[in-house]
Amino acid sequence: MEERMPASRLDAILITSAHPESLAEFYQKGFELEEPRLHGPDHLGLNLSNTYLGFDRTNETALASSGSISIWFKVPDIEATFARLVGLGAKVKYAPTTEESPGEILAMLYDPDGNSVGLISAA
């Protein structure tokens, strides 16, 4: 059977937040990314290699704190990234461990809005 490349690819992730500027800064500093750019009064974002990470303002507190998204990042130094995110206020679900997935180191935190942020690194 011939393997086909998918016709679609993930292009953007948008996170709704009551405080999009501070949430964008959390991701920018935590993952050492480019400065976020404003695109109107209620949206800003930045690029992660080939995926756009955007932040939309909402006035609905229930939506902003639902924590319904989980984003995973493959990182070269999981310990340093983990420490940076904790220093920026992330809450720890579990620290870097090899017990979750053999051959990889995984960690899980929560961003300031309660969204899950996973880290993956080679063991």
PDB file of N, CA and C in Angstrom:
ATOM      1  N   MET A   1       0.832  -1.170   0.000  1.00  0.00           N
ATOM      2  CA  MET A   1       0.000   0.000   0.000  1.00  0.00           C
ATOM      3  C   MET A   1       0.884   1.243   0.000  1.00  0.00           C
ATOM      4  N   GLU A   2       0.629   2.168  -0.891  1.00  0.00           N
ATOM      5  CA  GLU A   2       1.418   3.387  -1.018  1.00  0.00           C
ATOM      6  C   GLU A   2       1.008   4.397   0.052  1.00  0.00           C
ATOM      7  N   GLU A   3       2.017   4.957   0.732  1.00  0.00           N
ATOM      8  CA  GLU A   3       1.743   5.947   1.764  1.00  0.00           C
ATOM      9  C   GLU A   3       1.546   7.314   1.121  1.00  0.00           C
ATOM     10  N   ARG A   4       0.475   7.979   1.477  1.00  0.00           N
ATOM     11  CA  ARG A   4       0.166   9.308   0.939  1.00  0.00           C
ATOM     12  C   ARG A   4       0.469  10.377   1.984  1.00  0.00           C
ATOM     13  N   MET A   5       0.908  11.517   1.506  1.00  0.00           N
ATOM     14  CA  MET A   5       1.063  12.670   2.377  1.00  0.00           C
ATOM     15  C   MET A   5      -0.325  13.270   2.593  1.00  0.00           C
ATOM     16  N   PRO A   6      -0.648  13.709   3.802  1.00  0.00           N
ATOM     17  CA  PRO A   6      -1.950  14.313   4.036  1.00  0.00           C
ATOM     18  C   PRO A   6      -2.104  15.590   3.218  1.00  0.00           C
ATOM     19  N   ALA A   7      -3.310  15.837   2.760  1.00  0.00           N
ATOM     20  CA  ALA A   7      -3.592  17.033   1.972  1.00  0.00           C
ATOM     21  C   ALA A   7      -3.670  18.271   2.857  1.00  0.00           C
ATOM     22  N   SER A   8      -3.834  18.080   4.151  1.00  0.00           N
ATOM     23  CA  SER A   8      -3.961  19.202   5.079  1.00  0.00           C
ATOM     24  C   SER A   8      -2.818  19.167   6.083  1.00  0.00           C
ATOM     25  N   ARG A   9      -2.534  20.333   6.664  1.00  0.00           N
ATOM     26  CA  ARG A   9      -1.558  20.401   7.753  1.00  0.00           C
ATOM     27  C   ARG A   9      -2.025  21.449   8.735  1.00  0.00           C
ATOM     28  N   LEU A  10      -1.625  21.304   9.975  1.00  0.00           N
ATOM     29  CA  LEU A  10      -1.977  22.277  10.993  1.00  0.00           C
ATOM     30  C   LEU A  10      -1.267  23.584  10.681  1.00  0.00           C
ATOM     31  N   ASP A  11      -2.009  24.669  10.570  1.00  0.00           N
ATOM     32  CA  ASP A  11      -1.445  25.957  10.203  1.00  0.00           C
ATOM     33  C   ASP A  11      -1.417  26.938  11.374  1.00  0.00           C
ATOM     34  N   ALA A  12      -2.421  26.882  12.250  1.00  0.00           N
ATOM     35  CA  ALA A  12      -2.506  27.855  13.333  1.00  0.00           C
ATOM     36  C   ALA A  12      -3.199  27.260  14.551  1.00  0.00           C
ATOM     37  N   ILE A  13      -2.789  27.747  15.708  1.00  0.00           N
ATOM     38  CA  ILE A  13      -3.451  27.449  16.974  1.00  0.00           C
ATOM     39  C   ILE A  13      -3.809  28.799  17.574  1.00  0.00           C
ATOM     40  N   LEU A  14      -5.076  28.984  17.909  1.00  0.00           N
ATOM     41  CA  LEU A  14      -5.528  30.234  18.518  1.00  0.00           C
ATOM     42  C   LEU A  14      -6.052  29.925  19.916  1.00  0.00           C
ATOM     43  N   ILE A  15      -5.598  30.702  20.883  1.00  0.00           N
ATOM     44  CA  ILE A  15      -6.019  30.530  22.266  1.00  0.00           C
ATOM     45  C   ILE A  15      -6.786  31.783  22.675  1.00  0.00           C
ATOM     46  N   THR A  16      -7.976  31.582  23.215  1.00  0.00           N
ATOM     47  CA  THR A  16      -8.799  32.689  23.693  1.00  0.00           C
ATOM     48  C   THR A  16      -8.429  32.971  25.146  1.00  0.00           C
ATOM     49  N   SER A  17      -8.263  34.249  25.467  1.00  0.00           N
ATOM     50  CA  SER A  17      -7.836  34.620  26.805  1.00  0.00           C
ATOM     51  C   SER A  17      -8.371  36.005  27.164  1.00  0.00           C
ATOM     52  N   ALA A  18      -8.657  36.205  28.444  1.00  0.00           N
ATOM     53  CA  ALA A  18      -9.028  37.539  28.915  1.00  0.00           C
ATOM     54  C   ALA A  18      -7.793  38.441  28.951  1.00  0.00           C
ATOM     55  N   HIS A  19      -6.599  37.834  28.945  1.00  0.00           N
ATOM     56  CA  HIS A  19      -5.333  38.580  29.020  1.00  0.00           C
ATOM     57  C   HIS A  19      -4.373  38.061  27.946  1.00  0.00           C
ATOM     58  N   PRO A  20      -4.690  38.280  26.674  1.00  0.00           N
ATOM     59  CA  PRO A  20      -3.862  37.699  25.604  1.00  0.00           C
ATOM     60  C   PRO A  20      -2.425  38.207  25.586  1.00  0.00           C
ATOM     61  N   GLU A  21      -2.195  39.458  25.985  1.00  0.00           N
ATOM     62  CA  GLU A  21      -0.825  39.987  25.969  1.00  0.00           C
ATOM     63  C   GLU A  21       0.063  39.224  26.944  1.00  0.00           C
ATOM     64  N   SER A  22      -0.423  39.012  28.168  1.00  0.00           N
ATOM     65  CA  SER A  22       0.404  38.308  29.151  1.00  0.00           C
ATOM     66  C   SER A  22       0.549  36.835  28.805  1.00  0.00           C
ATOM     67  N   LEU A  23      -0.485  36.229  28.218  1.00  0.00           N
ATOM     68  CA  LEU A  23      -0.380  34.822  27.826  1.00  0.00           C
ATOM     69  C   LEU A  23       0.611  34.665  26.667  1.00  0.00           C
ATOM     70  N   ALA A  24       0.566  35.585  25.708  1.00  0.00           N
ATOM     71  CA  ALA A  24       1.521  35.558  24.597  1.00  0.00           C
ATOM     72  C   ALA A  24       2.948  35.723  25.122  1.00  0.00           C
ATOM     73  N   GLU A  25       3.134  36.598  26.093  1.00  0.00           N
ATOM     74  CA  GLU A  25       4.459  36.809  26.679  1.00  0.00           C
ATOM     75  C   GLU A  25       4.945  35.545  27.398  1.00  0.00           C
ATOM     76  N   PHE A  26       4.047  34.840  28.080  1.00  0.00           N
ATOM     77  CA  PHE A  26       4.389  33.580  28.744  1.00  0.00           C
ATOM     78  C   PHE A  26       4.975  32.593  27.730  1.00  0.00           C
ATOM     79  N   TYR A  27       4.305  32.405  26.590  1.00  0.00           N
ATOM     80  CA  TYR A  27       4.791  31.468  25.573  1.00  0.00           C
ATOM     81  C   TYR A  27       6.061  31.983  24.900  1.00  0.00           C
ATOM     82  N   GLN A  28       6.108  33.282  24.625  1.00  0.00           N
ATOM     83  CA  GLN A  28       7.283  33.861  23.966  1.00  0.00           C
ATOM     84  C   GLN A  28       8.531  33.683  24.827  1.00  0.00           C
ATOM     85  N   LYS A  29       8.436  34.017  26.097  1.00  0.00           N
ATOM     86  CA  LYS A  29       9.594  33.894  26.986  1.00  0.00           C
ATOM     87  C   LYS A  29       9.881  32.440  27.358  1.00  0.00           C
ATOM     88  N   GLY A  30       8.838  31.673  27.589  1.00  0.00           N
ATOM     89  CA  GLY A  30       9.015  30.286  27.999  1.00  0.00           C
ATOM     90  C   GLY A  30       9.689  29.426  26.949  1.00  0.00           C
ATOM     91  N   PHE A  31       9.390  29.703  25.677  1.00  0.00           N
ATOM     92  CA  PHE A  31       9.961  28.908  24.588  1.00  0.00           C
ATOM     93  C   PHE A  31      10.975  29.690  23.768  1.00  0.00           C
ATOM     94  N   GLU A  32      11.376  30.871  24.265  1.00  0.00           N
ATOM     95  CA  GLU A  32      12.381  31.717  23.613  1.00  0.00           C
ATOM     96  C   GLU A  32      12.032  31.950  22.147  1.00  0.00           C
ATOM     97  N   LEU A  33      10.831  32.484  21.920  1.00  0.00           N
ATOM     98  CA  LEU A  33      10.321  32.730  20.575  1.00  0.00           C
ATOM     99  C   LEU A  33      10.422  34.208  20.224  1.00  0.00           C
ATOM    100  N   GLU A  34      10.093  34.519  18.984  1.00  0.00           N
ATOM    101  CA  GLU A  34      10.077  35.911  18.533  1.00  0.00           C
ATOM    102  C   GLU A  34       9.034  36.695  19.336  1.00  0.00           C
ATOM    103  N   GLU A  35       9.161  38.014  19.298  1.00  0.00           N
ATOM    104  CA  GLU A  35       8.182  38.884  19.953  1.00  0.00           C
ATOM    105  C   GLU A  35       6.822  38.731  19.281  1.00  0.00           C
ATOM    106  N   PRO A  36       5.739  38.636  20.055  1.00  0.00           N
ATOM    107  CA  PRO A  36       4.405  38.594  19.446  1.00  0.00           C
ATOM    108  C   PRO A  36       4.096  39.925  18.757  1.00  0.00           C
ATOM    109  N   ARG A  37       3.323  39.842  17.678  1.00  0.00           N
ATOM    110  CA  ARG A  37       2.921  41.052  16.955  1.00  0.00           C
ATOM    111  C   ARG A  37       1.422  41.252  17.082  1.00  0.00           C
ATOM    112  N   LEU A  38       1.032  42.513  17.275  1.00  0.00           N
ATOM    113  CA  LEU A  38      -0.384  42.865  17.332  1.00  0.00           C
ATOM    114  C   LEU A  38      -0.991  42.836  15.943  1.00  0.00           C
ATOM    115  N   HIS A  39      -2.198  42.330  15.863  1.00  0.00           N
ATOM    116  CA  HIS A  39      -2.986  42.324  14.628  1.00  0.00           C
ATOM    117  C   HIS A  39      -4.370  42.835  14.995  1.00  0.00           C
ATOM    118  N   GLY A  40      -4.468  44.124  15.277  1.00  0.00           N
ATOM    119  CA  GLY A  40      -5.721  44.701  15.749  1.00  0.00           C
ATOM    120  C   GLY A  40      -5.741  44.720  17.272  1.00  0.00           C
ATOM    121  N   PRO A  41      -6.771  45.320  17.853  1.00  0.00           N
ATOM    122  CA  PRO A  41      -6.806  45.496  19.307  1.00  0.00           C
ATOM    123  C   PRO A  41      -7.062  44.202  20.099  1.00  0.00           C
ATOM    124  N   ASP A  42      -7.583  43.178  19.456  1.00  0.00           N
ATOM    125  CA  ASP A  42      -7.980  41.976  20.184  1.00  0.00           C
ATOM    126  C   ASP A  42      -7.278  40.706  19.740  1.00  0.00           C
ATOM    127  N   HIS A  43      -6.150  40.849  19.030  1.00  0.00           N
ATOM    128  CA  HIS A  43      -5.429  39.662  18.574  1.00  0.00           C
ATOM    129  C   HIS A  43      -3.938  39.958  18.446  1.00  0.00           C
ATOM    130  N   LEU A  44      -3.123  39.011  18.892  1.00  0.00           N
ATOM    131  CA  LEU A  44      -1.690  39.068  18.643  1.00  0.00           C
ATOM    132  C   LEU A  44      -1.195  37.645  18.489  1.00  0.00           C
ATOM    133  N   GLY A  45      -0.027  37.504  17.880  1.00  0.00           N
ATOM    134  CA  GLY A  45       0.482  36.164  17.660  1.00  0.00           C
ATOM    135  C   GLY A  45       1.943  36.150  17.263  1.00  0.00           C
ATOM    136  N   LEU A  46       2.450  34.929  17.133  1.00  0.00           N
ATOM    137  CA  LEU A  46       3.847  34.727  16.762  1.00  0.00           C
ATOM    138  C   LEU A  46       3.958  33.421  16.000  1.00  0.00           C
ATOM    139  N   ASN A  47       5.085  33.217  15.342  1.00  0.00           N
ATOM    140  CA  ASN A  47       5.294  32.009  14.544  1.00  0.00           C
ATOM    141  C   ASN A  47       6.179  31.011  15.267  1.00  0.00           C
ATOM    142  N   LEU A  48       5.771  29.739  15.195  1.00  0.00           N
ATOM    143  CA  LEU A  48       6.542  28.610  15.713  1.00  0.00           C
ATOM    144  C   LEU A  48       6.917  27.787  14.495  1.00  0.00           C
ATOM    145  N   SER A  49       8.058  27.955  13.957  1.00  0.00           N
ATOM    146  CA  SER A  49       8.488  27.305  12.713  1.00  0.00           C
ATOM    147  C   SER A  49       7.376  27.401  11.670  1.00  0.00           C
ATOM    148  N   ASN A  50       6.608  26.353  11.439  1.00  0.00           N
ATOM    149  CA  ASN A  50       5.588  26.432  10.387  1.00  0.00           C
ATOM    150  C   ASN A  50       4.154  26.518  10.925  1.00  0.00           C
ATOM    151  N   THR A  51       3.988  26.866  12.210  1.00  0.00           N
ATOM    152  CA  THR A  51       2.660  26.991  12.804  1.00  0.00           C
ATOM    153  C   THR A  51       2.531  28.350  13.482  1.00  0.00           C
ATOM    154  N   TYR A  52       1.404  29.013  13.271  1.00  0.00           N
ATOM    155  CA  TYR A  52       1.117  30.307  13.887  1.00  0.00           C
ATOM    156  C   TYR A  52       0.445  30.067  15.227  1.00  0.00           C
ATOM    157  N   LEU A  53       0.918  30.736  16.277  1.00  0.00           N
ATOM    158  CA  LEU A  53       0.309  30.664  17.599  1.00  0.00           C
ATOM    159  C   LEU A  53      -0.284  32.030  17.901  1.00  0.00           C
ATOM    160  N   GLY A  54      -1.613  32.082  17.958  1.00  0.00           N
ATOM    161  CA  GLY A  54      -2.301  33.353  18.144  1.00  0.00           C
ATOM    162  C   GLY A  54      -3.094  33.391  19.433  1.00  0.00           C
ATOM    163  N   PHE A  55      -3.377  34.606  19.884  1.00  0.00           N
ATOM    164  CA  PHE A  55      -4.094  34.842  21.132  1.00  0.00           C
ATOM    165  C   PHE A  55      -5.195  35.863  20.875  1.00  0.00           C
ATOM    166  N   ASP A  56      -6.432  35.458  21.123  1.00  0.00           N
ATOM    167  CA  ASP A  56      -7.595  36.319  20.920  1.00  0.00           C
ATOM    168  C   ASP A  56      -8.148  36.756  22.269  1.00  0.00           C
ATOM    169  N   ARG A  57      -8.508  38.039  22.360  1.00  0.00           N
ATOM    170  CA  ARG A  57      -9.087  38.572  23.586  1.00  0.00           C
ATOM    171  C   ARG A  57     -10.558  38.171  23.686  1.00  0.00           C
ATOM    172  N   THR A  58     -10.950  37.781  24.887  1.00  0.00           N
ATOM    173  CA  THR A  58     -12.355  37.543  25.182  1.00  0.00           C
ATOM    174  C   THR A  58     -12.692  38.238  26.482  1.00  0.00           C
ATOM    175  N   ASN A  59     -13.925  38.661  26.602  1.00  0.00           N
ATOM    176  CA  ASN A  59     -14.386  39.259  27.848  1.00  0.00           C
ATOM    177  C   ASN A  59     -15.145  38.240  28.682  1.00  0.00           C
ATOM    178  N   GLU A  60     -15.270  37.047  28.163  1.00  0.00           N
ATOM    179  CA  GLU A  60     -16.005  35.999  28.864  1.00  0.00           C
ATOM    180  C   GLU A  60     -15.040  35.198  29.725  1.00  0.00           C
ATOM    181  N   THR A  61     -15.037  35.452  31.017  1.00  0.00           N
ATOM    182  CA  THR A  61     -14.114  34.811  31.935  1.00  0.00           C
ATOM    183  C   THR A  61     -14.218  33.294  31.894  1.00  0.00           C
ATOM    184  N   ALA A  62     -15.421  32.753  31.782  1.00  0.00           N
ATOM    185  CA  ALA A  62     -15.587  31.303  31.764  1.00  0.00           C
ATOM    186  C   ALA A  62     -14.849  30.686  30.582  1.00  0.00           C
ATOM    187  N   LEU A  63     -14.916  31.323  29.421  1.00  0.00           N
ATOM    188  CA  LEU A  63     -14.203  30.812  28.257  1.00  0.00           C
ATOM    189  C   LEU A  63     -12.703  30.966  28.424  1.00  0.00           C
ATOM    190  N   ALA A  64     -12.293  32.084  28.977  1.00  0.00           N
ATOM    191  CA  ALA A  64     -10.860  32.364  29.091  1.00  0.00           C
ATOM    192  C   ALA A  64     -10.151  31.407  30.042  1.00  0.00           C
ATOM    193  N   SER A  65     -10.864  30.854  31.012  1.00  0.00           N
ATOM    194  CA  SER A  65     -10.190  30.004  31.984  1.00  0.00           C
ATOM    195  C   SER A  65     -10.627  28.539  31.898  1.00  0.00           C
ATOM    196  N   SER A  66     -11.140  28.130  30.754  1.00  0.00           N
ATOM    197  CA  SER A  66     -11.648  26.772  30.645  1.00  0.00           C
ATOM    198  C   SER A  66     -10.540  25.730  30.613  1.00  0.00           C
ATOM    199  N   GLY A  67      -9.330  26.106  30.180  1.00  0.00           N
ATOM    200  CA  GLY A  67      -8.231  25.155  30.130  1.00  0.00           C
ATOM    201  C   GLY A  67      -8.520  23.971  29.235  1.00  0.00           C
ATOM    202  N   SER A  68      -9.203  24.223  28.141  1.00  0.00           N
ATOM    203  CA  SER A  68      -9.660  23.128  27.295  1.00  0.00           C
ATOM    204  C   SER A  68      -8.697  22.757  26.177  1.00  0.00           C
ATOM    205  N   ILE A  69      -7.540  23.378  26.117  1.00  0.00           N
ATOM    206  CA  ILE A  69      -6.587  23.077  25.054  1.00  0.00           C
ATOM    207  C   ILE A  69      -5.331  22.457  25.663  1.00  0.00           C
ATOM    208  N   SER A  70      -4.718  21.564  24.917  1.00  0.00           N
ATOM    209  CA  SER A  70      -3.446  20.974  25.318  1.00  0.00           C
ATOM    210  C   SER A  70      -2.495  21.109  24.141  1.00  0.00           C
ATOM    211  N   ILE A  71      -1.375  21.778  24.354  1.00  0.00           N
ATOM    212  CA  ILE A  71      -0.375  21.991  23.303  1.00  0.00           C
ATOM    213  C   ILE A  71       0.913  21.292  23.722  1.00  0.00           C
ATOM    214  N   TRP A  72       1.492  20.529  22.797  1.00  0.00           N
ATOM    215  CA  TRP A  72       2.752  19.830  23.064  1.00  0.00           C
ATOM    216  C   TRP A  72       3.871  20.438  22.233  1.00  0.00           C
ATOM    217  N   PHE A  73       5.011  20.669  22.879  1.00  0.00           N
ATOM    218  CA  PHE A  73       6.187  21.241  22.231  1.00  0.00           C
ATOM    219  C   PHE A  73       7.346  20.257  22.329  1.00  0.00           C
ATOM    220  N   LYS A  74       7.981  19.970  21.209  1.00  0.00           N
ATOM    221  CA  LYS A  74       9.222  19.196  21.211  1.00  0.00           C
ATOM    222  C   LYS A  74      10.341  20.202  21.452  1.00  0.00           C
ATOM    223  N   VAL A  75      11.125  19.984  22.496  1.00  0.00           N
ATOM    224  CA  VAL A  75      12.162  20.944  22.891  1.00  0.00           C
ATOM    225  C   VAL A  75      13.511  20.245  23.015  1.00  0.00           C
ATOM    226  N   PRO A  76      14.601  20.960  22.752  1.00  0.00           N
ATOM    227  CA  PRO A  76      15.924  20.336  22.837  1.00  0.00           C
ATOM    228  C   PRO A  76      16.402  20.123  24.275  1.00  0.00           C
ATOM    229  N   ASP A  77      16.016  21.004  25.208  1.00  0.00           N
ATOM    230  CA  ASP A  77      16.460  20.906  26.597  1.00  0.00           C
ATOM    231  C   ASP A  77      15.233  21.012  27.500  1.00  0.00           C
ATOM    232  N   ILE A  78      14.655  19.868  27.831  1.00  0.00           N
ATOM    233  CA  ILE A  78      13.398  19.855  28.574  1.00  0.00           C
ATOM    234  C   ILE A  78      13.559  20.428  29.980  1.00  0.00           C
ATOM    235  N   GLU A  79      14.696  20.179  30.613  1.00  0.00           N
ATOM    236  CA  GLU A  79      14.908  20.685  31.975  1.00  0.00           C
ATOM    237  C   GLU A  79      14.928  22.217  31.986  1.00  0.00           C
ATOM    238  N   ALA A  80      15.652  22.820  31.042  1.00  0.00           N
ATOM    239  CA  ALA A  80      15.738  24.287  30.987  1.00  0.00           C
ATOM    240  C   ALA A  80      14.382  24.898  30.634  1.00  0.00           C
ATOM    241  N   THR A  81      13.677  24.318  29.664  1.00  0.00           N
ATOM    242  CA  THR A  81      12.367  24.847  29.273  1.00  0.00           C
ATOM    243  C   THR A  81      11.379  24.711  30.422  1.00  0.00           C
ATOM    244  N   PHE A  82      11.381  23.556  31.082  1.00  0.00           N
ATOM    245  CA  PHE A  82      10.511  23.316  32.232  1.00  0.00           C
ATOM    246  C   PHE A  82      10.760  24.366  33.319  1.00  0.00           C
ATOM    247  N   ALA A  83      12.018  24.598  33.656  1.00  0.00           N
ATOM    248  CA  ALA A  83      12.371  25.578  34.689  1.00  0.00           C
ATOM    249  C   ALA A  83      11.947  26.986  34.287  1.00  0.00           C
ATOM    250  N   ARG A  84      12.134  27.343  33.020  1.00  0.00           N
ATOM    251  CA  ARG A  84      11.724  28.670  32.539  1.00  0.00           C
ATOM    252  C   ARG A  84      10.223  28.853  32.695  1.00  0.00           C
ATOM    253  N   LEU A  85       9.437  27.853  32.278  1.00  0.00           N
ATOM    254  CA  LEU A  85       7.976  27.945  32.356  1.00  0.00           C
ATOM    255  C   LEU A  85       7.501  28.031  33.810  1.00  0.00           C
ATOM    256  N   VAL A  86       8.104  27.250  34.692  1.00  0.00           N
ATOM    257  CA  VAL A  86       7.750  27.323  36.116  1.00  0.00           C
ATOM    258  C   VAL A  86       8.085  28.713  36.652  1.00  0.00           C
ATOM    259  N   GLY A  87       9.236  29.245  36.261  1.00  0.00           N
ATOM    260  CA  GLY A  87       9.628  30.590  36.680  1.00  0.00           C
ATOM    261  C   GLY A  87       8.685  31.674  36.187  1.00  0.00           C
ATOM    262  N   LEU A  88       8.000  31.401  35.077  1.00  0.00           N
ATOM    263  CA  LEU A  88       7.024  32.356  34.515  1.00  0.00           C
ATOM    264  C   LEU A  88       5.621  32.139  35.081  1.00  0.00           C
ATOM    265  N   GLY A  89       5.489  31.213  36.029  1.00  0.00           N
ATOM    266  CA  GLY A  89       4.207  31.028  36.693  1.00  0.00           C
ATOM    267  C   GLY A  89       3.416  29.792  36.316  1.00  0.00           C
ATOM    268  N   ALA A  90       3.980  28.909  35.502  1.00  0.00           N
ATOM    269  CA  ALA A  90       3.260  27.682  35.136  1.00  0.00           C
ATOM    270  C   ALA A  90       3.101  26.791  36.371  1.00  0.00           C
ATOM    271  N   LYS A  91       1.961  26.120  36.453  1.00  0.00           N
ATOM    272  CA  LYS A  91       1.715  25.142  37.511  1.00  0.00           C
ATOM    273  C   LYS A  91       2.106  23.767  36.976  1.00  0.00           C
ATOM    274  N   VAL A  92       2.713  22.943  37.793  1.00  0.00           N
ATOM    275  CA  VAL A  92       3.230  21.646  37.374  1.00  0.00           C
ATOM    276  C   VAL A  92       2.166  20.565  37.519  1.00  0.00           C
ATOM    277  N   LYS A  93       1.925  19.824  36.441  1.00  0.00           N
ATOM    278  CA  LYS A  93       1.112  18.608  36.524  1.00  0.00           C
ATOM    279  C   LYS A  93       2.046  17.440  36.823  1.00  0.00           C
ATOM    280  N   TYR A  94       3.123  17.303  36.026  1.00  0.00           N
ATOM    281  CA  TYR A  94       4.189  16.368  36.370  1.00  0.00           C
ATOM    282  C   TYR A  94       5.504  16.865  35.781  1.00  0.00           C
ATOM    283  N   ALA A  95       6.574  16.650  36.548  1.00  0.00           N
ATOM    284  CA  ALA A  95       7.924  17.077  36.171  1.00  0.00           C
ATOM    285  C   ALA A  95       8.471  16.136  35.099  1.00  0.00           C
ATOM    286  N   PRO A  96       9.580  16.502  34.451  1.00  0.00           N
ATOM    287  CA  PRO A  96      10.166  15.644  33.425  1.00  0.00           C
ATOM    288  C   PRO A  96      10.369  14.213  33.923  1.00  0.00           C
ATOM    289  N   THR A  97       9.894  13.265  33.115  1.00  0.00           N
ATOM    290  CA  THR A  97       9.960  11.853  33.481  1.00  0.00           C
ATOM    291  C   THR A  97      10.086  10.994  32.227  1.00  0.00           C
ATOM    292  N   THR A  98      10.704   9.835  32.375  1.00  0.00           N
ATOM    293  CA  THR A  98      10.775   8.863  31.281  1.00  0.00           C
ATOM    294  C   THR A  98       9.752   7.745  31.474  1.00  0.00           C
ATOM    295  N   GLU A  99       9.019   7.772  32.570  1.00  0.00           N
ATOM    296  CA  GLU A  99       8.067   6.708  32.884  1.00  0.00           C
ATOM    297  C   GLU A  99       6.814   6.743  32.010  1.00  0.00           C
ATOM    298  N   GLU A 100       6.459   7.898  31.464  1.00  0.00           N
ATOM    299  CA  GLU A 100       5.242   8.037  30.674  1.00  0.00           C
ATOM    300  C   GLU A 100       5.379   7.462  29.260  1.00  0.00           C
ATOM    301  N   SER A 101       6.591   7.557  28.682  1.00  0.00           N
ATOM    302  CA  SER A 101       6.804   7.141  27.304  1.00  0.00           C
ATOM    303  C   SER A 101       8.258   6.701  27.127  1.00  0.00           C
ATOM    304  N   PRO A 102       8.521   5.402  27.001  1.00  0.00           N
ATOM    305  CA  PRO A 102       9.896   4.916  26.846  1.00  0.00           C
ATOM    306  C   PRO A 102      10.602   5.580  25.651  1.00  0.00           C
ATOM    307  N   GLY A 103      11.842   5.999  25.873  1.00  0.00           N
ATOM    308  CA  GLY A 103      12.633   6.626  24.819  1.00  0.00           C
ATOM    309  C   GLY A 103      12.448   8.127  24.727  1.00  0.00           C
ATOM    310  N   GLU A 104      11.530   8.671  25.523  1.00  0.00           N
ATOM    311  CA  GLU A 104      11.285  10.113  25.523  1.00  0.00           C
ATOM    312  C   GLU A 104      11.207  10.614  26.963  1.00  0.00           C
ATOM    313  N   ILE A 105      11.457  11.892  27.099  1.00  0.00           N
ATOM    314  CA  ILE A 105      11.226  12.553  28.383  1.00  0.00           C
ATOM    315  C   ILE A 105      10.000  13.439  28.177  1.00  0.00           C
ATOM    316  N   LEU A 106       9.024  13.320  29.047  1.00  0.00           N
ATOM    317  CA  LEU A 106       7.803  14.107  28.958  1.00  0.00           C
ATOM    318  C   LEU A 106       7.604  14.903  30.241  1.00  0.00           C
ATOM    319  N   ALA A 107       6.964  16.053  30.106  1.00  0.00           N
ATOM    320  CA  ALA A 107       6.564  16.852  31.260  1.00  0.00           C
ATOM    321  C   ALA A 107       5.244  17.527  30.905  1.00  0.00           C
ATOM    322  N   MET A 108       4.461  17.882  31.918  1.00  0.00           N
ATOM    323  CA  MET A 108       3.186  18.560  31.684  1.00  0.00           C
ATOM    324  C   MET A 108       3.010  19.659  32.717  1.00  0.00           C
ATOM    325  N   LEU A 109       2.630  20.837  32.203  1.00  0.00           N
ATOM    326  CA  LEU A 109       2.381  21.990  33.053  1.00  0.00           C
ATOM    327  C   LEU A 109       1.060  22.625  32.627  1.00  0.00           C
ATOM    328  N   TYR A 110       0.637  23.642  33.386  1.00  0.00           N
ATOM    329  CA  TYR A 110      -0.529  24.442  33.019  1.00  0.00           C
ATOM    330  C   TYR A 110      -0.090  25.883  32.844  1.00  0.00           C
ATOM    331  N   ASP A 111      -0.484  26.511  31.725  1.00  0.00           N
ATOM    332  CA  ASP A 111      -0.161  27.921  31.505  1.00  0.00           C
ATOM    333  C   ASP A 111      -0.996  28.785  32.446  1.00  0.00           C
ATOM    334  N   PRO A 112      -0.780  30.105  32.481  1.00  0.00           N
ATOM    335  CA  PRO A 112      -1.529  30.962  33.405  1.00  0.00           C
ATOM    336  C   PRO A 112      -3.053  30.918  33.232  1.00  0.00           C
ATOM    337  N   ASP A 113      -3.545  30.495  32.069  1.00  0.00           N
ATOM    338  CA  ASP A 113      -4.991  30.381  31.860  1.00  0.00           C
ATOM    339  C   ASP A 113      -5.510  28.973  32.127  1.00  0.00           C
ATOM    340  N   GLY A 114      -4.644  28.050  32.506  1.00  0.00           N
ATOM    341  CA  GLY A 114      -5.070  26.694  32.827  1.00  0.00           C
ATOM    342  C   GLY A 114      -5.001  25.710  31.677  1.00  0.00           C
ATOM    343  N   ASN A 115      -4.471  26.126  30.524  1.00  0.00           N
ATOM    344  CA  ASN A 115      -4.304  25.203  29.393  1.00  0.00           C
ATOM    345  C   ASN A 115      -3.125  24.276  29.654  1.00  0.00           C
ATOM    346  N   SER A 116      -3.225  23.038  29.216  1.00  0.00           N
ATOM    347  CA  SER A 116      -2.131  22.075  29.361  1.00  0.00           C
ATOM    348  C   SER A 116      -1.021  22.371  28.373  1.00  0.00           C
ATOM    349  N   VAL A 117       0.212  22.355  28.869  1.00  0.00           N
ATOM    350  CA  VAL A 117       1.393  22.566  28.033  1.00  0.00           C
ATOM    351  C   VAL A 117       2.301  21.355  28.258  1.00  0.00           C
ATOM    352  N   GLY A 118       2.438  20.537  27.222  1.00  0.00           N
ATOM    353  CA  GLY A 118       3.279  19.361  27.292  1.00  0.00           C
ATOM    354  C   GLY A 118       4.639  19.623  26.684  1.00  0.00           C
ATOM    355  N   LEU A 119       5.649  18.993  27.235  1.00  0.00           N
ATOM    356  CA  LEU A 119       7.009  19.078  26.709  1.00  0.00           C
ATOM    357  C   LEU A 119       7.486  17.675  26.372  1.00  0.00           C
ATOM    358  N   ILE A 120       8.160  17.554  25.239  1.00  0.00           N
ATOM    359  CA  ILE A 120       8.718  16.276  24.783  1.00  0.00           C
ATOM    360  C   ILE A 120      10.178  16.501  24.432  1.00  0.00           C
ATOM    361  N   SER A 121      11.033  15.563  24.834  1.00  0.00           N
ATOM    362  CA  SER A 121      12.442  15.608  24.473  1.00  0.00           C
ATOM    363  C   SER A 121      12.937  14.171  24.362  1.00  0.00           C
ATOM    364  N   ALA A 122      13.956  13.977  23.560  1.00  0.00           N
ATOM    365  CA  ALA A 122      14.549  12.650  23.445  1.00  0.00           C
ATOM    366  C   ALA A 122      15.207  12.280  24.770  1.00  0.00           C
ATOM    367  N   ALA A 123      15.132  11.002  25.123  1.00  0.00           N
ATOM    368  CA  ALA A 123      15.725  10.536  26.381  1.00  0.00           C
ATOM    369  C   ALA A 123      17.230  10.402  26.245  1.00  0.00           C
TER     370      ALA A 123
END
